[in-house]
Amino acid sequence: MSVATESLHVVCPHCHTTNRVAATDLSSSPDCGKCHQPLFAGHPVALDDSSFDKHVGRSQVPVLVDFWAPWCGPCRMMAPQFEAAARQLEPQVRLAKLNTEEAQAVAARYNIRSIPTLALFVNGREVARQPGAMGAADIVRWVRSHGV
């Protein structure tokens, strides 16, 4: 398959259906084939126990996950920065948030010991991890430093 016709699996942030999208069409605001909502809206997607594996495991677009909790002050301070990073990184990277209070099994599986923690997944595999709050520019720079 040539680069021009390469298609990628992209999981819808609304209905969690896996879509096949031509790589060249990622920047043209593709919609989900099932629910017809935008696949990328420049906002992080909220994940839970059931949707985490779909997005991380099925998406061929790298996924940056913010492991956070509502009681965490630094997590709340970083939230608008993570949102700003989503506007800069999508559609090349999907940004997602996982509330570790609600999804304790996923947090335990990935051995999340402090929050906020950012984890970058490529093709279902964790390739980098960064604990602590970061500004939007630092988040974007950190993601890009990993070749994404």
N, C-alpha and C. Protein backbone atom coordinates (compact mmCIF):
# COMPACT_ATOMS: atom_id res chain seq x y z
N MET A 1 0.84 -1.17 0.00
CA MET A 1 0.00 0.00 0.00
C MET A 1 0.89 1.23 0.00
N SER A 2 0.64 2.16 -0.87
CA SER A 2 1.47 3.36 -0.93
C SER A 2 1.09 4.32 0.19
N VAL A 3 1.99 5.25 0.49
CA VAL A 3 1.75 6.22 1.55
C VAL A 3 0.50 7.04 1.24
N ALA A 4 0.29 7.36 -0.03
CA ALA A 4 -0.84 8.20 -0.42
C ALA A 4 -2.18 7.53 -0.13
N THR A 5 -2.23 6.20 -0.18
CA THR A 5 -3.50 5.51 0.04
C THR A 5 -3.54 4.76 1.37
N GLU A 6 -2.52 4.94 2.20
CA GLU A 6 -2.48 4.26 3.48
C GLU A 6 -3.68 4.68 4.33
N SER A 7 -4.36 3.68 4.91
CA SER A 7 -5.46 4.02 5.79
C SER A 7 -5.09 3.64 7.22
N LEU A 8 -5.63 4.40 8.15
CA LEU A 8 -5.35 4.20 9.56
C LEU A 8 -6.65 3.93 10.30
N HIS A 9 -6.56 3.16 11.36
CA HIS A 9 -7.70 2.97 12.24
C HIS A 9 -7.72 4.13 13.24
N VAL A 10 -8.87 4.78 13.34
CA VAL A 10 -9.07 5.88 14.26
C VAL A 10 -10.37 5.60 15.02
N VAL A 11 -10.29 5.61 16.35
CA VAL A 11 -11.46 5.32 17.18
C VAL A 11 -12.22 6.62 17.43
N CYS A 12 -13.52 6.58 17.23
CA CYS A 12 -14.37 7.76 17.41
C CYS A 12 -14.44 8.13 18.90
N PRO A 13 -14.24 9.41 19.24
CA PRO A 13 -14.31 9.83 20.64
C PRO A 13 -15.73 9.86 21.18
N HIS A 14 -16.74 9.75 20.31
CA HIS A 14 -18.14 9.84 20.72
C HIS A 14 -18.78 8.46 20.91
N CYS A 15 -18.68 7.60 19.88
CA CYS A 15 -19.34 6.29 19.95
C CYS A 15 -18.35 5.14 20.10
N HIS A 16 -17.06 5.43 20.05
CA HIS A 16 -15.97 4.46 20.23
C HIS A 16 -15.91 3.39 19.14
N THR A 17 -16.46 3.71 17.97
CA THR A 17 -16.38 2.82 16.82
C THR A 17 -15.04 3.04 16.11
N THR A 18 -14.41 1.96 15.66
CA THR A 18 -13.16 2.07 14.93
C THR A 18 -13.48 2.41 13.47
N ASN A 19 -12.87 3.49 12.98
CA ASN A 19 -13.05 3.95 11.61
C ASN A 19 -11.76 3.77 10.84
N ARG A 20 -11.87 3.55 9.56
CA ARG A 20 -10.71 3.50 8.68
C ARG A 20 -10.65 4.83 7.94
N VAL A 21 -9.55 5.54 8.09
CA VAL A 21 -9.39 6.87 7.50
C VAL A 21 -8.08 6.91 6.72
N ALA A 22 -8.14 7.43 5.50
CA ALA A 22 -6.91 7.60 4.73
C ALA A 22 -6.00 8.57 5.47
N ALA A 23 -4.73 8.24 5.57
CA ALA A 23 -3.79 9.09 6.29
C ALA A 23 -3.79 10.51 5.73
N THR A 24 -3.98 10.63 4.43
CA THR A 24 -4.01 11.95 3.80
C THR A 24 -5.26 12.74 4.17
N ASP A 25 -6.29 12.07 4.69
CA ASP A 25 -7.56 12.74 5.05
C ASP A 25 -7.62 13.15 6.52
N LEU A 26 -6.61 12.81 7.32
CA LEU A 26 -6.67 13.12 8.75
C LEU A 26 -6.86 14.61 9.01
N SER A 27 -6.20 15.44 8.24
CA SER A 27 -6.27 16.88 8.48
C SER A 27 -7.49 17.53 7.84
N SER A 28 -8.36 16.76 7.16
CA SER A 28 -9.55 17.34 6.55
C SER A 28 -10.81 17.09 7.37
N SER A 29 -10.67 17.03 8.68
CA SER A 29 -11.81 16.90 9.60
C SER A 29 -12.73 15.72 9.28
N PRO A 30 -12.19 14.49 9.29
CA PRO A 30 -13.05 13.34 8.98
C PRO A 30 -14.10 13.11 10.06
N ASP A 31 -15.25 12.57 9.63
CA ASP A 31 -16.34 12.23 10.54
C ASP A 31 -16.40 10.72 10.73
N CYS A 32 -17.01 10.31 11.83
CA CYS A 32 -17.24 8.89 12.12
C CYS A 32 -18.27 8.34 11.14
N GLY A 33 -17.99 7.16 10.62
CA GLY A 33 -18.93 6.52 9.70
C GLY A 33 -20.21 6.07 10.37
N LYS A 34 -20.20 5.87 11.69
CA LYS A 34 -21.39 5.40 12.39
C LYS A 34 -22.22 6.55 12.96
N CYS A 35 -21.61 7.43 13.77
CA CYS A 35 -22.39 8.48 14.43
C CYS A 35 -22.29 9.84 13.74
N HIS A 36 -21.41 9.94 12.73
CA HIS A 36 -21.24 11.14 11.91
C HIS A 36 -20.73 12.36 12.69
N GLN A 37 -20.17 12.14 13.88
CA GLN A 37 -19.55 13.20 14.65
C GLN A 37 -18.09 13.32 14.21
N PRO A 38 -17.45 14.48 14.44
CA PRO A 38 -16.04 14.64 14.05
C PRO A 38 -15.13 13.68 14.82
N LEU A 39 -14.18 13.08 14.10
CA LEU A 39 -13.23 12.18 14.76
C LEU A 39 -12.21 12.97 15.58
N PHE A 40 -11.97 14.22 15.20
CA PHE A 40 -11.04 15.08 15.93
C PHE A 40 -11.70 16.44 16.10
N ALA A 41 -11.78 16.90 17.35
CA ALA A 41 -12.41 18.19 17.62
C ALA A 41 -11.48 19.12 18.39
N GLY A 42 -10.22 18.73 18.58
CA GLY A 42 -9.29 19.58 19.31
C GLY A 42 -9.52 19.57 20.81
N HIS A 43 -10.18 18.51 21.31
CA HIS A 43 -10.44 18.35 22.75
C HIS A 43 -10.04 16.94 23.16
N PRO A 44 -9.52 16.78 24.37
CA PRO A 44 -9.23 15.43 24.85
C PRO A 44 -10.51 14.62 25.01
N VAL A 45 -10.42 13.33 24.76
CA VAL A 45 -11.55 12.43 24.94
C VAL A 45 -11.46 11.82 26.34
N ALA A 46 -12.60 11.76 27.03
CA ALA A 46 -12.63 11.13 28.35
C ALA A 46 -12.76 9.63 28.18
N LEU A 47 -11.83 8.90 28.77
CA LEU A 47 -11.84 7.44 28.68
C LEU A 47 -12.25 6.83 30.01
N ASP A 48 -12.74 5.59 29.94
CA ASP A 48 -13.07 4.83 31.15
C ASP A 48 -12.50 3.42 30.97
N ASP A 49 -12.83 2.52 31.90
CA ASP A 49 -12.29 1.16 31.83
C ASP A 49 -12.56 0.49 30.49
N SER A 50 -13.77 0.66 29.95
CA SER A 50 -14.11 -0.05 28.71
C SER A 50 -13.58 0.64 27.46
N SER A 51 -13.55 1.96 27.44
CA SER A 51 -13.11 2.65 26.22
C SER A 51 -11.59 2.79 26.12
N PHE A 52 -10.88 2.66 27.24
CA PHE A 52 -9.42 2.82 27.23
C PHE A 52 -8.77 1.85 26.24
N ASP A 53 -9.07 0.57 26.36
CA ASP A 53 -8.43 -0.42 25.49
C ASP A 53 -8.80 -0.23 24.02
N LYS A 54 -10.03 0.23 23.77
CA LYS A 54 -10.43 0.49 22.38
C LYS A 54 -9.56 1.59 21.78
N HIS A 55 -9.42 2.70 22.50
CA HIS A 55 -8.67 3.83 21.96
C HIS A 55 -7.18 3.55 21.89
N VAL A 56 -6.62 3.00 22.94
CA VAL A 56 -5.18 2.75 22.97
C VAL A 56 -4.81 1.55 22.10
N GLY A 57 -5.61 0.51 22.15
CA GLY A 57 -5.28 -0.73 21.44
C GLY A 57 -5.63 -0.76 19.98
N ARG A 58 -6.68 -0.07 19.58
CA ARG A 58 -7.12 -0.14 18.18
C ARG A 58 -6.69 1.04 17.32
N SER A 59 -6.43 2.18 17.95
CA SER A 59 -6.08 3.37 17.18
C SER A 59 -4.67 3.26 16.62
N GLN A 60 -4.53 3.60 15.36
CA GLN A 60 -3.20 3.65 14.76
C GLN A 60 -2.64 5.07 14.79
N VAL A 61 -3.39 5.98 15.41
CA VAL A 61 -2.91 7.32 15.69
C VAL A 61 -2.37 7.26 17.12
N PRO A 62 -1.18 7.79 17.38
CA PRO A 62 -0.67 7.77 18.76
C PRO A 62 -1.67 8.39 19.74
N VAL A 63 -1.70 7.86 20.95
CA VAL A 63 -2.64 8.33 21.97
C VAL A 63 -1.83 8.80 23.19
N LEU A 64 -2.06 10.06 23.59
CA LEU A 64 -1.44 10.61 24.78
C LEU A 64 -2.50 10.65 25.87
N VAL A 65 -2.26 9.90 26.95
CA VAL A 65 -3.24 9.79 28.03
C VAL A 65 -2.75 10.57 29.25
N ASP A 66 -3.66 11.40 29.77
CA ASP A 66 -3.44 12.12 31.03
C ASP A 66 -4.15 11.31 32.11
N PHE A 67 -3.38 10.66 32.97
CA PHE A 67 -3.93 9.95 34.13
C PHE A 67 -4.09 11.01 35.22
N TRP A 68 -5.33 11.22 35.69
CA TRP A 68 -5.63 12.31 36.61
C TRP A 68 -6.73 11.89 37.59
N ALA A 69 -7.02 12.76 38.55
CA ALA A 69 -8.15 12.57 39.48
C ALA A 69 -8.73 13.94 39.82
N PRO A 70 -10.04 14.00 40.08
CA PRO A 70 -10.68 15.29 40.33
C PRO A 70 -10.19 15.99 41.60
N TRP A 71 -9.70 15.26 42.57
CA TRP A 71 -9.23 15.86 43.83
C TRP A 71 -7.81 16.41 43.73
N CYS A 72 -7.14 16.16 42.63
CA CYS A 72 -5.73 16.53 42.46
C CYS A 72 -5.59 17.96 41.95
N GLY A 73 -5.04 18.85 42.78
CA GLY A 73 -4.84 20.24 42.40
C GLY A 73 -3.98 20.42 41.15
N PRO A 74 -2.80 19.79 41.08
CA PRO A 74 -1.97 19.92 39.87
C PRO A 74 -2.68 19.39 38.62
N CYS A 75 -3.52 18.35 38.79
CA CYS A 75 -4.27 17.81 37.64
C CYS A 75 -5.24 18.87 37.13
N ARG A 76 -5.95 19.53 38.03
CA ARG A 76 -6.91 20.56 37.65
C ARG A 76 -6.18 21.75 37.01
N MET A 77 -4.99 22.08 37.53
CA MET A 77 -4.22 23.19 36.95
C MET A 77 -3.73 22.84 35.54
N MET A 78 -3.42 21.58 35.30
CA MET A 78 -2.90 21.18 34.00
C MET A 78 -4.01 20.99 32.96
N ALA A 79 -5.25 20.81 33.38
CA ALA A 79 -6.35 20.51 32.45
C ALA A 79 -6.46 21.50 31.29
N PRO A 80 -6.45 22.81 31.53
CA PRO A 80 -6.53 23.72 30.38
C PRO A 80 -5.30 23.66 29.49
N GLN A 81 -4.15 23.33 30.05
CA GLN A 81 -2.93 23.19 29.26
C GLN A 81 -3.01 21.96 28.36
N PHE A 82 -3.57 20.88 28.90
CA PHE A 82 -3.75 19.64 28.13
C PHE A 82 -4.74 19.90 26.99
N GLU A 83 -5.79 20.65 27.28
CA GLU A 83 -6.78 21.03 26.27
C GLU A 83 -6.11 21.83 25.15
N ALA A 84 -5.27 22.79 25.51
CA ALA A 84 -4.55 23.59 24.52
C ALA A 84 -3.61 22.72 23.69
N ALA A 85 -2.97 21.76 24.32
CA ALA A 85 -2.08 20.84 23.60
C ALA A 85 -2.87 20.01 22.59
N ALA A 86 -4.11 19.64 22.95
CA ALA A 86 -4.95 18.86 22.02
C ALA A 86 -5.19 19.65 20.74
N ARG A 87 -5.43 20.94 20.87
CA ARG A 87 -5.66 21.77 19.68
C ARG A 87 -4.42 21.81 18.78
N GLN A 88 -3.25 21.67 19.37
CA GLN A 88 -2.01 21.73 18.59
C GLN A 88 -1.60 20.37 18.02
N LEU A 89 -1.89 19.30 18.74
CA LEU A 89 -1.39 17.97 18.35
C LEU A 89 -2.37 17.16 17.49
N GLU A 90 -3.68 17.38 17.65
CA GLU A 90 -4.61 16.62 16.83
C GLU A 90 -4.58 17.15 15.40
N PRO A 91 -4.73 16.32 14.39
CA PRO A 91 -5.10 14.92 14.39
C PRO A 91 -3.93 13.94 14.37
N GLN A 92 -2.69 14.44 14.50
CA GLN A 92 -1.55 13.52 14.48
C GLN A 92 -1.46 12.69 15.75
N VAL A 93 -2.05 13.19 16.84
CA VAL A 93 -2.04 12.50 18.13
C VAL A 93 -3.42 12.67 18.76
N ARG A 94 -3.99 11.60 19.29
CA ARG A 94 -5.25 11.68 20.04
C ARG A 94 -4.90 11.95 21.49
N LEU A 95 -5.49 12.97 22.10
CA LEU A 95 -5.30 13.24 23.52
C LEU A 95 -6.50 12.73 24.28
N ALA A 96 -6.23 12.08 25.41
CA ALA A 96 -7.29 11.47 26.20
C ALA A 96 -7.00 11.64 27.68
N LYS A 97 -8.07 11.62 28.46
CA LYS A 97 -7.95 11.73 29.91
C LYS A 97 -8.58 10.50 30.54
N LEU A 98 -7.91 9.97 31.57
CA LEU A 98 -8.45 8.83 32.29
C LEU A 98 -8.48 9.18 33.78
N ASN A 99 -9.68 9.23 34.33
CA ASN A 99 -9.87 9.51 35.75
C ASN A 99 -9.49 8.24 36.53
N THR A 100 -8.39 8.32 37.27
CA THR A 100 -7.88 7.13 37.97
C THR A 100 -8.77 6.70 39.14
N GLU A 101 -9.64 7.59 39.61
CA GLU A 101 -10.59 7.22 40.66
C GLU A 101 -11.68 6.32 40.11
N GLU A 102 -12.10 6.60 38.87
CA GLU A 102 -13.17 5.83 38.24
C GLU A 102 -12.64 4.61 37.49
N ALA A 103 -11.41 4.65 37.05
CA ALA A 103 -10.83 3.55 36.27
C ALA A 103 -9.61 3.00 37.00
N GLN A 104 -9.84 2.52 38.21
CA GLN A 104 -8.73 2.06 39.05
C GLN A 104 -8.02 0.84 38.47
N ALA A 105 -8.76 -0.01 37.76
CA ALA A 105 -8.14 -1.20 37.19
C ALA A 105 -7.11 -0.82 36.11
N VAL A 106 -7.44 0.14 35.27
CA VAL A 106 -6.50 0.57 34.23
C VAL A 106 -5.29 1.24 34.88
N ALA A 107 -5.54 2.11 35.87
CA ALA A 107 -4.44 2.79 36.56
C ALA A 107 -3.51 1.77 37.21
N ALA A 108 -4.07 0.74 37.81
CA ALA A 108 -3.25 -0.30 38.44
C ALA A 108 -2.47 -1.10 37.40
N ARG A 109 -3.12 -1.42 36.28
CA ARG A 109 -2.46 -2.19 35.22
C ARG A 109 -1.24 -1.45 34.68
N TYR A 110 -1.32 -0.13 34.62
CA TYR A 110 -0.19 0.66 34.12
C TYR A 110 0.68 1.22 35.24
N ASN A 111 0.43 0.75 36.46
CA ASN A 111 1.28 1.09 37.60
C ASN A 111 1.42 2.61 37.78
N ILE A 112 0.28 3.30 37.70
CA ILE A 112 0.28 4.75 37.89
C ILE A 112 0.40 5.01 39.38
N ARG A 113 1.50 5.63 39.78
CA ARG A 113 1.80 5.87 41.19
C ARG A 113 1.61 7.32 41.59
N SER A 114 1.68 8.24 40.64
CA SER A 114 1.48 9.66 40.95
C SER A 114 0.66 10.27 39.82
N ILE A 115 -0.06 11.32 40.17
CA ILE A 115 -0.85 12.02 39.16
C ILE A 115 -0.60 13.50 39.28
N PRO A 116 -0.66 14.23 38.21
CA PRO A 116 -0.91 13.74 36.86
C PRO A 116 0.31 12.99 36.31
N THR A 117 0.02 12.03 35.47
CA THR A 117 1.05 11.31 34.72
C THR A 117 0.59 11.25 33.27
N LEU A 118 1.46 11.62 32.36
CA LEU A 118 1.20 11.49 30.93
C LEU A 118 1.87 10.22 30.44
N ALA A 119 1.14 9.45 29.62
CA ALA A 119 1.71 8.26 29.00
C ALA A 119 1.38 8.32 27.51
N LEU A 120 2.40 8.10 26.69
CA LEU A 120 2.25 8.12 25.24
C LEU A 120 2.23 6.69 24.72
N PHE A 121 1.17 6.36 23.99
CA PHE A 121 0.99 5.02 23.43
C PHE A 121 1.06 5.09 21.91
N VAL A 122 1.83 4.20 21.32
CA VAL A 122 1.93 4.08 19.87
C VAL A 122 1.65 2.62 19.52
N ASN A 123 0.65 2.41 18.67
CA ASN A 123 0.23 1.06 18.27
C ASN A 123 -0.03 0.17 19.49
N GLY A 124 -0.69 0.74 20.50
CA GLY A 124 -1.10 -0.02 21.67
C GLY A 124 -0.03 -0.22 22.73
N ARG A 125 1.17 0.26 22.48
CA ARG A 125 2.29 0.05 23.40
C ARG A 125 2.73 1.38 24.01
N GLU A 126 2.93 1.39 25.32
CA GLU A 126 3.44 2.60 25.97
C GLU A 126 4.89 2.80 25.56
N VAL A 127 5.18 4.01 25.04
CA VAL A 127 6.53 4.31 24.58
C VAL A 127 7.22 5.37 25.43
N ALA A 128 6.44 6.13 26.22
CA ALA A 128 7.04 7.17 27.07
C ALA A 128 6.07 7.52 28.18
N ARG A 129 6.63 8.00 29.28
CA ARG A 129 5.84 8.39 30.45
C ARG A 129 6.47 9.60 31.10
N GLN A 130 5.63 10.53 31.55
CA GLN A 130 6.12 11.75 32.19
C GLN A 130 5.20 12.10 33.37
N PRO A 131 5.69 11.98 34.61
CA PRO A 131 4.88 12.40 35.75
C PRO A 131 4.96 13.91 35.96
N GLY A 132 3.93 14.48 36.56
CA GLY A 132 3.94 15.90 36.92
C GLY A 132 3.21 16.77 35.92
N ALA A 133 2.72 17.90 36.42
CA ALA A 133 2.00 18.86 35.60
C ALA A 133 2.95 19.56 34.63
N MET A 134 2.44 19.85 33.43
CA MET A 134 3.23 20.51 32.40
C MET A 134 2.35 21.55 31.71
N GLY A 135 3.00 22.56 31.15
CA GLY A 135 2.30 23.53 30.32
C GLY A 135 2.09 22.99 28.92
N ALA A 136 1.22 23.64 28.16
CA ALA A 136 0.88 23.17 26.81
C ALA A 136 2.12 23.06 25.92
N ALA A 137 2.97 24.07 25.92
CA ALA A 137 4.16 24.04 25.06
C ALA A 137 5.08 22.88 25.45
N ASP A 138 5.21 22.63 26.75
CA ASP A 138 6.05 21.51 27.21
C ASP A 138 5.44 20.16 26.82
N ILE A 139 4.12 20.05 26.89
CA ILE A 139 3.45 18.80 26.49
C ILE A 139 3.71 18.54 25.01
N VAL A 140 3.50 19.56 24.18
CA VAL A 140 3.70 19.41 22.74
C VAL A 140 5.16 19.06 22.44
N ARG A 141 6.09 19.76 23.07
CA ARG A 141 7.52 19.50 22.85
C ARG A 141 7.88 18.08 23.29
N TRP A 142 7.35 17.64 24.44
CA TRP A 142 7.65 16.30 24.95
C TRP A 142 7.13 15.23 23.99
N VAL A 143 5.90 15.38 23.50
CA VAL A 143 5.33 14.41 22.56
C VAL A 143 6.18 14.37 21.29
N ARG A 144 6.49 15.52 20.76
CA ARG A 144 7.26 15.57 19.50
C ARG A 144 8.68 15.06 19.69
N SER A 145 9.21 15.14 20.90
CA SER A 145 10.57 14.62 21.15
C SER A 145 10.62 13.09 21.04
N HIS A 146 9.45 12.47 21.03
CA HIS A 146 9.37 11.01 20.89
C HIS A 146 9.02 10.59 19.47
N GLY A 147 9.24 11.50 18.54
CA GLY A 147 9.08 11.18 17.12
C GLY A 147 7.64 11.10 16.66
N VAL A 148 6.74 11.68 17.42
CA VAL A 148 5.32 11.63 17.06
C VAL A 148 4.91 12.97 16.48
